[in-house]
Amino acid sequence: MSPAELEILREHIQLTIKETVNGKIDRMDEKLDAHIKVHEAHLIEVKPILDAYQGGKVLGDLVKWIAGLGLAVLAIKGWFIR
């Protein structure tokens, strides 16, 4: 194979890789960027709901702790008052 033919082959391979591989990667990047924009817009709408859920969860955990302590006090009180 002559050097000129080898250079043509290299150029063809580089062009094919650029169109096939890099083109697919570029399209995937564009799709991912579009998805991220939609996701961020949706997250802004859902943020108050997530905050309310988190606040409710904290309140529920507090109620569980208070109930647990109350049961422990009643159990200890019942144990010693017999």
PDB file of N, CA and C in Angstrom:
ATOM      1  N   MET A   1       0.852  -1.165   0.000  1.00  0.00           N
ATOM      2  CA  MET A   1       0.000   0.000   0.000  1.00  0.00           C
ATOM      3  C   MET A   1       0.900   1.230   0.000  1.00  0.00           C
ATOM      4  N   SER A   2       0.580   2.135  -0.867  1.00  0.00           N
ATOM      5  CA  SER A   2       1.413   3.330  -0.999  1.00  0.00           C
ATOM      6  C   SER A   2       1.064   4.329   0.108  1.00  0.00           C
ATOM      7  N   PRO A   3       1.971   5.242   0.375  1.00  0.00           N
ATOM      8  CA  PRO A   3       1.694   6.244   1.413  1.00  0.00           C
ATOM      9  C   PRO A   3       0.451   7.091   1.093  1.00  0.00           C
ATOM     10  N   ALA A   4       0.202   7.356  -0.168  1.00  0.00           N
ATOM     11  CA  ALA A   4      -0.975   8.150  -0.537  1.00  0.00           C
ATOM     12  C   ALA A   4      -2.258   7.358  -0.225  1.00  0.00           C
ATOM     13  N   GLU A   5      -2.244   6.070  -0.554  1.00  0.00           N
ATOM     14  CA  GLU A   5      -3.401   5.231  -0.271  1.00  0.00           C
ATOM     15  C   GLU A   5      -3.618   5.098   1.233  1.00  0.00           C
ATOM     16  N   LEU A   6      -2.529   4.977   1.962  1.00  0.00           N
ATOM     17  CA  LEU A   6      -2.606   4.882   3.413  1.00  0.00           C
ATOM     18  C   LEU A   6      -3.200   6.163   4.012  1.00  0.00           C
ATOM     19  N   GLU A   7      -2.797   7.311   3.479  1.00  0.00           N
ATOM     20  CA  GLU A   7      -3.331   8.584   3.963  1.00  0.00           C
ATOM     21  C   GLU A   7      -4.824   8.701   3.653  1.00  0.00           C
ATOM     22  N   ILE A   8      -5.238   8.270   2.482  1.00  0.00           N
ATOM     23  CA  ILE A   8      -6.665   8.290   2.120  1.00  0.00           C
ATOM     24  C   ILE A   8      -7.452   7.387   3.061  1.00  0.00           C
ATOM     25  N   LEU A   9      -6.899   6.212   3.344  1.00  0.00           N
ATOM     26  CA  LEU A   9      -7.553   5.276   4.253  1.00  0.00           C
ATOM     27  C   LEU A   9      -7.677   5.873   5.654  1.00  0.00           C
ATOM     28  N   ARG A  10      -6.647   6.517   6.139  1.00  0.00           N
ATOM     29  CA  ARG A  10      -6.688   7.153   7.461  1.00  0.00           C
ATOM     30  C   ARG A  10      -7.750   8.246   7.518  1.00  0.00           C
ATOM     31  N   GLU A  11      -7.777   9.078   6.465  1.00  0.00           N
ATOM     32  CA  GLU A  11      -8.770  10.141   6.423  1.00  0.00           C
ATOM     33  C   GLU A  11     -10.184   9.572   6.416  1.00  0.00           C
ATOM     34  N   HIS A  12     -10.386   8.518   5.665  1.00  0.00           N
ATOM     35  CA  HIS A  12     -11.706   7.883   5.605  1.00  0.00           C
ATOM     36  C   HIS A  12     -12.099   7.304   6.976  1.00  0.00           C
ATOM     37  N   ILE A  13     -11.161   6.666   7.638  1.00  0.00           N
ATOM     38  CA  ILE A  13     -11.435   6.098   8.963  1.00  0.00           C
ATOM     39  C   ILE A  13     -11.751   7.210   9.960  1.00  0.00           C
ATOM     40  N   GLN A  14     -10.969   8.287   9.923  1.00  0.00           N
ATOM     41  CA  GLN A  14     -11.226   9.402  10.841  1.00  0.00           C
ATOM     42  C   GLN A  14     -12.594  10.023  10.589  1.00  0.00           C
ATOM     43  N   LEU A  15     -12.952  10.206   9.326  1.00  0.00           N
ATOM     44  CA  LEU A  15     -14.250  10.776   8.990  1.00  0.00           C
ATOM     45  C   LEU A  15     -15.374   9.855   9.444  1.00  0.00           C
ATOM     46  N   THR A  16     -15.210   8.560   9.228  1.00  0.00           N
ATOM     47  CA  THR A  16     -16.232   7.597   9.636  1.00  0.00           C
ATOM     48  C   THR A  16     -16.409   7.598  11.149  1.00  0.00           C
ATOM     49  N   ILE A  17     -15.316   7.606  11.885  1.00  0.00           N
ATOM     50  CA  ILE A  17     -15.387   7.636  13.347  1.00  0.00           C
ATOM     51  C   ILE A  17     -16.048   8.926  13.809  1.00  0.00           C
ATOM     52  N   LYS A  18     -15.681  10.047  13.199  1.00  0.00           N
ATOM     53  CA  LYS A  18     -16.245  11.334  13.597  1.00  0.00           C
ATOM     54  C   LYS A  18     -17.745  11.351  13.362  1.00  0.00           C
ATOM     55  N   GLU A  19     -18.202  10.851  12.246  1.00  0.00           N
ATOM     56  CA  GLU A  19     -19.634  10.861  11.932  1.00  0.00           C
ATOM     57  C   GLU A  19     -20.399   9.829  12.747  1.00  0.00           C
ATOM     58  N   THR A  20     -19.851   8.633  12.864  1.00  0.00           N
ATOM     59  CA  THR A  20     -20.572   7.536  13.506  1.00  0.00           C
ATOM     60  C   THR A  20     -20.518   7.642  15.020  1.00  0.00           C
ATOM     61  N   VAL A  21     -19.340   7.611  15.567  1.00  0.00           N
ATOM     62  CA  VAL A  21     -19.185   7.573  17.030  1.00  0.00           C
ATOM     63  C   VAL A  21     -19.452   8.937  17.656  1.00  0.00           C
ATOM     64  N   ASN A  22     -18.734   9.944  17.206  1.00  0.00           N
ATOM     65  CA  ASN A  22     -18.887  11.264  17.814  1.00  0.00           C
ATOM     66  C   ASN A  22     -20.262  11.845  17.541  1.00  0.00           C
ATOM     67  N   GLY A  23     -20.828  11.547  16.391  1.00  0.00           N
ATOM     68  CA  GLY A  23     -22.177  12.016  16.090  1.00  0.00           C
ATOM     69  C   GLY A  23     -23.194  11.439  17.057  1.00  0.00           C
ATOM     70  N   LYS A  24     -23.055  10.155  17.376  1.00  0.00           N
ATOM     71  CA  LYS A  24     -23.963   9.528  18.340  1.00  0.00           C
ATOM     72  C   LYS A  24     -23.777  10.131  19.728  1.00  0.00           C
ATOM     73  N   ILE A  25     -22.548  10.383  20.098  1.00  0.00           N
ATOM     74  CA  ILE A  25     -22.272  10.970  21.409  1.00  0.00           C
ATOM     75  C   ILE A  25     -22.854  12.376  21.479  1.00  0.00           C
ATOM     76  N   ASP A  26     -22.704  13.155  20.392  1.00  0.00           N
ATOM     77  CA  ASP A  26     -23.268  14.504  20.380  1.00  0.00           C
ATOM     78  C   ASP A  26     -24.783  14.466  20.499  1.00  0.00           C
ATOM     79  N   ARG A  27     -25.441  13.543  19.796  1.00  0.00           N
ATOM     80  CA  ARG A  27     -26.899  13.433  19.885  1.00  0.00           C
ATOM     81  C   ARG A  27     -27.321  13.009  21.289  1.00  0.00           C
ATOM     82  N   MET A  28     -26.563  12.113  21.909  1.00  0.00           N
ATOM     83  CA  MET A  28     -26.878  11.691  23.279  1.00  0.00           C
ATOM     84  C   MET A  28     -26.727  12.865  24.247  1.00  0.00           C
ATOM     85  N   ASP A  29     -25.688  13.681  24.056  1.00  0.00           N
ATOM     86  CA  ASP A  29     -25.496  14.865  24.896  1.00  0.00           C
ATOM     87  C   ASP A  29     -26.671  15.829  24.764  1.00  0.00           C
ATOM     88  N   GLU A  30     -27.140  16.049  23.516  1.00  0.00           N
ATOM     89  CA  GLU A  30     -28.267  16.953  23.294  1.00  0.00           C
ATOM     90  C   GLU A  30     -29.530  16.418  23.978  1.00  0.00           C
ATOM     91  N   LYS A  31     -29.770  15.112  23.848  1.00  0.00           N
ATOM     92  CA  LYS A  31     -30.949  14.515  24.485  1.00  0.00           C
ATOM     93  C   LYS A  31     -30.854  14.605  26.005  1.00  0.00           C
ATOM     94  N   LEU A  32     -29.678  14.362  26.552  1.00  0.00           N
ATOM     95  CA  LEU A  32     -29.496  14.435  28.001  1.00  0.00           C
ATOM     96  C   LEU A  32     -29.694  15.861  28.501  1.00  0.00           C
ATOM     97  N   ASP A  33     -29.166  16.846  27.778  1.00  0.00           N
ATOM     98  CA  ASP A  33     -29.353  18.241  28.171  1.00  0.00           C
ATOM     99  C   ASP A  33     -30.833  18.616  28.152  1.00  0.00           C
ATOM    100  N   ALA A  34     -31.566  18.167  27.128  1.00  0.00           N
ATOM    101  CA  ALA A  34     -33.005  18.450  27.053  1.00  0.00           C
ATOM    102  C   ALA A  34     -33.734  17.785  28.223  1.00  0.00           C
ATOM    103  N   HIS A  35     -33.349  16.567  28.554  1.00  0.00           N
ATOM    104  CA  HIS A  35     -33.978  15.865  29.674  1.00  0.00           C
ATOM    105  C   HIS A  35     -33.699  16.577  30.992  1.00  0.00           C
ATOM    106  N   ILE A  36     -32.500  17.052  31.168  1.00  0.00           N
ATOM    107  CA  ILE A  36     -32.138  17.754  32.402  1.00  0.00           C
ATOM    108  C   ILE A  36     -32.965  19.025  32.550  1.00  0.00           C
ATOM    109  N   LYS A  37     -33.166  19.762  31.448  1.00  0.00           N
ATOM    110  CA  LYS A  37     -33.975  20.979  31.516  1.00  0.00           C
ATOM    111  C   LYS A  37     -35.408  20.659  31.930  1.00  0.00           C
ATOM    112  N   VAL A  38     -35.989  19.610  31.345  1.00  0.00           N
ATOM    113  CA  VAL A  38     -37.358  19.213  31.696  1.00  0.00           C
ATOM    114  C   VAL A  38     -37.407  18.763  33.157  1.00  0.00           C
ATOM    115  N   HIS A  39     -36.414  17.991  33.578  1.00  0.00           N
ATOM    116  CA  HIS A  39     -36.381  17.487  34.960  1.00  0.00           C
ATOM    117  C   HIS A  39     -36.266  18.635  35.960  1.00  0.00           C
ATOM    118  N   GLU A  40     -35.411  19.608  35.665  1.00  0.00           N
ATOM    119  CA  GLU A  40     -35.247  20.736  36.582  1.00  0.00           C
ATOM    120  C   GLU A  40     -36.523  21.559  36.670  1.00  0.00           C
ATOM    121  N   ALA A  41     -37.213  21.735  35.534  1.00  0.00           N
ATOM    122  CA  ALA A  41     -38.479  22.476  35.547  1.00  0.00           C
ATOM    123  C   ALA A  41     -39.516  21.719  36.376  1.00  0.00           C
ATOM    124  N   HIS A  42     -39.545  20.425  36.251  1.00  0.00           N
ATOM    125  CA  HIS A  42     -40.486  19.606  37.020  1.00  0.00           C
ATOM    126  C   HIS A  42     -40.131  19.628  38.496  1.00  0.00           C
ATOM    127  N   LEU A  43     -38.852  19.623  38.808  1.00  0.00           N
ATOM    128  CA  LEU A  43     -38.420  19.639  40.204  1.00  0.00           C
ATOM    129  C   LEU A  43     -38.832  20.932  40.900  1.00  0.00           C
ATOM    130  N   ILE A  44     -38.805  22.044  40.168  1.00  0.00           N
ATOM    131  CA  ILE A  44     -39.231  23.324  40.746  1.00  0.00           C
ATOM    132  C   ILE A  44     -40.708  23.254  41.127  1.00  0.00           C
ATOM    133  N   GLU A  45     -41.531  22.581  40.300  1.00  0.00           N
ATOM    134  CA  GLU A  45     -42.955  22.451  40.591  1.00  0.00           C
ATOM    135  C   GLU A  45     -43.204  21.527  41.778  1.00  0.00           C
ATOM    136  N   VAL A  46     -42.378  20.517  41.945  1.00  0.00           N
ATOM    137  CA  VAL A  46     -42.603  19.496  42.968  1.00  0.00           C
ATOM    138  C   VAL A  46     -41.909  19.841  44.290  1.00  0.00           C
ATOM    139  N   LYS A  47     -41.012  20.805  44.288  1.00  0.00           N
ATOM    140  CA  LYS A  47     -40.224  21.151  45.473  1.00  0.00           C
ATOM    141  C   LYS A  47     -41.080  21.436  46.703  1.00  0.00           C
ATOM    142  N   PRO A  48     -42.165  22.230  46.605  1.00  0.00           N
ATOM    143  CA  PRO A  48     -42.984  22.464  47.815  1.00  0.00           C
ATOM    144  C   PRO A  48     -43.587  21.175  48.373  1.00  0.00           C
ATOM    145  N   ILE A  49     -43.961  20.279  47.500  1.00  0.00           N
ATOM    146  CA  ILE A  49     -44.528  19.006  47.952  1.00  0.00           C
ATOM    147  C   ILE A  49     -43.463  18.194  48.682  1.00  0.00           C
ATOM    148  N   LEU A  50     -42.264  18.167  48.142  1.00  0.00           N
ATOM    149  CA  LEU A  50     -41.173  17.432  48.793  1.00  0.00           C
ATOM    150  C   LEU A  50     -40.834  18.039  50.144  1.00  0.00           C
ATOM    151  N   ASP A  51     -40.846  19.375  50.223  1.00  0.00           N
ATOM    152  CA  ASP A  51     -40.570  20.040  51.505  1.00  0.00           C
ATOM    153  C   ASP A  51     -41.652  19.711  52.534  1.00  0.00           C
ATOM    154  N   ALA A  52     -42.905  19.718  52.093  1.00  0.00           N
ATOM    155  CA  ALA A  52     -44.001  19.391  53.010  1.00  0.00           C
ATOM    156  C   ALA A  52     -43.889  17.944  53.480  1.00  0.00           C
ATOM    157  N   TYR A  53     -43.530  17.050  52.578  1.00  0.00           N
ATOM    158  CA  TYR A  53     -43.365  15.651  52.970  1.00  0.00           C
ATOM    159  C   TYR A  53     -42.253  15.518  54.005  1.00  0.00           C
ATOM    160  N   GLN A  54     -41.155  16.201  53.765  1.00  0.00           N
ATOM    161  CA  GLN A  54     -40.029  16.125  54.703  1.00  0.00           C
ATOM    162  C   GLN A  54     -40.438  16.668  56.071  1.00  0.00           C
ATOM    163  N   GLY A  55     -41.191  17.778  56.085  1.00  0.00           N
ATOM    164  CA  GLY A  55     -41.665  18.332  57.357  1.00  0.00           C
ATOM    165  C   GLY A  55     -42.605  17.377  58.066  1.00  0.00           C
ATOM    166  N   GLY A  56     -43.481  16.731  57.306  1.00  0.00           N
ATOM    167  CA  GLY A  56     -44.387  15.750  57.892  1.00  0.00           C
ATOM    168  C   GLY A  56     -43.646  14.555  58.444  1.00  0.00           C
ATOM    169  N   LYS A  57     -42.586  14.160  57.763  1.00  0.00           N
ATOM    170  CA  LYS A  57     -41.776  13.032  58.230  1.00  0.00           C
ATOM    171  C   LYS A  57     -41.102  13.374  59.556  1.00  0.00           C
ATOM    172  N   VAL A  58     -40.579  14.575  59.659  1.00  0.00           N
ATOM    173  CA  VAL A  58     -39.934  15.007  60.908  1.00  0.00           C
ATOM    174  C   VAL A  58     -40.958  15.032  62.038  1.00  0.00           C
ATOM    175  N   LEU A  59     -42.141  15.551  61.748  1.00  0.00           N
ATOM    176  CA  LEU A  59     -43.200  15.597  62.757  1.00  0.00           C
ATOM    177  C   LEU A  59     -43.611  14.180  63.170  1.00  0.00           C
ATOM    178  N   GLY A  60     -43.720  13.283  62.202  1.00  0.00           N
ATOM    179  CA  GLY A  60     -44.055  11.893  62.512  1.00  0.00           C
ATOM    180  C   GLY A  60     -42.994  11.226  63.372  1.00  0.00           C
ATOM    181  N   ASP A  61     -41.735  11.496  63.087  1.00  0.00           N
ATOM    182  CA  ASP A  61     -40.653  10.934  63.906  1.00  0.00           C
ATOM    183  C   ASP A  61     -40.721  11.474  65.340  1.00  0.00           C
ATOM    184  N   LEU A  62     -41.042  12.749  65.480  1.00  0.00           N
ATOM    185  CA  LEU A  62     -41.173  13.344  66.814  1.00  0.00           C
ATOM    186  C   LEU A  62     -42.300  12.673  67.591  1.00  0.00           C
ATOM    187  N   VAL A  63     -43.429  12.454  66.924  1.00  0.00           N
ATOM    188  CA  VAL A  63     -44.558  11.790  67.584  1.00  0.00           C
ATOM    189  C   VAL A  63     -44.175  10.377  68.013  1.00  0.00           C
ATOM    190  N   LYS A  64     -43.436   9.668  67.174  1.00  0.00           N
ATOM    191  CA  LYS A  64     -42.989   8.312  67.523  1.00  0.00           C
ATOM    192  C   LYS A  64     -42.096   8.330  68.762  1.00  0.00           C
ATOM    193  N   TRP A  65     -41.174   9.301  68.836  1.00  0.00           N
ATOM    194  CA  TRP A  65     -40.285   9.397  69.992  1.00  0.00           C
ATOM    195  C   TRP A  65     -41.074   9.701  71.270  1.00  0.00           C
ATOM    196  N   ILE A  66     -41.997  10.625  71.163  1.00  0.00           N
ATOM    197  CA  ILE A  66     -42.801  10.981  72.340  1.00  0.00           C
ATOM    198  C   ILE A  66     -43.638   9.790  72.785  1.00  0.00           C
ATOM    199  N   ALA A  67     -44.247   9.085  71.830  1.00  0.00           N
ATOM    200  CA  ALA A  67     -45.048   7.911  72.178  1.00  0.00           C
ATOM    201  C   ALA A  67     -44.173   6.831  72.810  1.00  0.00           C
ATOM    202  N   GLY A  68     -42.975   6.635  72.278  1.00  0.00           N
ATOM    203  CA  GLY A  68     -42.058   5.644  72.845  1.00  0.00           C
ATOM    204  C   GLY A  68     -41.659   5.991  74.263  1.00  0.00           C
ATOM    205  N   LEU A  69     -41.340   7.250  74.484  1.00  0.00           N
ATOM    206  CA  LEU A  69     -40.978   7.677  75.844  1.00  0.00           C
ATOM    207  C   LEU A  69     -42.167   7.539  76.794  1.00  0.00           C
ATOM    208  N   GLY A  70     -43.371   7.895  76.308  1.00  0.00           N
ATOM    209  CA  GLY A  70     -44.564   7.751  77.137  1.00  0.00           C
ATOM    210  C   GLY A  70     -44.807   6.301  77.508  1.00  0.00           C
ATOM    211  N   LEU A  71     -44.667   5.401  76.560  1.00  0.00           N
ATOM    212  CA  LEU A  71     -44.829   3.977  76.852  1.00  0.00           C
ATOM    213  C   LEU A  71     -43.770   3.481  77.833  1.00  0.00           C
ATOM    214  N   ALA A  72     -42.546   3.964  77.669  1.00  0.00           N
ATOM    215  CA  ALA A  72     -41.483   3.557  78.592  1.00  0.00           C
ATOM    216  C   ALA A  72     -41.792   4.040  80.010  1.00  0.00           C
ATOM    217  N   VAL A  73     -42.273   5.269  80.134  1.00  0.00           N
ATOM    218  CA  VAL A  73     -42.622   5.804  81.455  1.00  0.00           C
ATOM    219  C   VAL A  73     -43.761   4.994  82.062  1.00  0.00           C
ATOM    220  N   LEU A  74     -44.788   4.696  81.275  1.00  0.00           N
ATOM    221  CA  LEU A  74     -45.911   3.914  81.784  1.00  0.00           C
ATOM    222  C   LEU A  74     -45.485   2.500  82.162  1.00  0.00           C
ATOM    223  N   ALA A  75     -44.581   1.911  81.390  1.00  0.00           N
ATOM    224  CA  ALA A  75     -44.109   0.559  81.712  1.00  0.00           C
ATOM    225  C   ALA A  75     -43.314   0.564  83.005  1.00  0.00           C
ATOM    226  N   ILE A  76     -42.427   1.555  83.166  1.00  0.00           N
ATOM    227  CA  ILE A  76     -41.631   1.632  84.392  1.00  0.00           C
ATOM    228  C   ILE A  76     -42.534   1.936  85.583  1.00  0.00           C
ATOM    229  N   LYS A  77     -43.493   2.854  85.393  1.00  0.00           N
ATOM    230  CA  LYS A  77     -44.417   3.206  86.465  1.00  0.00           C
ATOM    231  C   LYS A  77     -45.256   1.982  86.852  1.00  0.00           C
ATOM    232  N   GLY A  78     -45.735   1.233  85.881  1.00  0.00           N
ATOM    233  CA  GLY A  78     -46.508   0.033  86.151  1.00  0.00           C
ATOM    234  C   GLY A  78     -45.678  -1.056  86.807  1.00  0.00           C
ATOM    235  N   TRP A  79     -44.429  -1.116  86.498  1.00  0.00           N
ATOM    236  CA  TRP A  79     -43.529  -2.130  87.053  1.00  0.00           C
ATOM    237  C   TRP A  79     -43.302  -1.874  88.539  1.00  0.00           C
ATOM    238  N   PHE A  80     -43.117  -0.612  88.940  1.00  0.00           N
ATOM    239  CA  PHE A  80     -42.808  -0.308  90.330  1.00  0.00           C
ATOM    240  C   PHE A  80     -44.046  -0.121  91.200  1.00  0.00           C
ATOM    241  N   ILE A  81     -45.206   0.141  90.635  1.00  0.00           N
ATOM    242  CA  ILE A  81     -46.406   0.402  91.435  1.00  0.00           C
ATOM    243  C   ILE A  81     -47.119  -0.896  91.798  1.00  0.00           C
ATOM    244  N   ARG A  82     -46.897  -1.950  91.254  1.00  0.00           N
ATOM    245  CA  ARG A  82     -47.578  -3.220  91.522  1.00  0.00           C
ATOM    246  C   ARG A  82     -47.899  -3.339  92.953  1.00  0.00           C
TER     247      ARG A  82
END
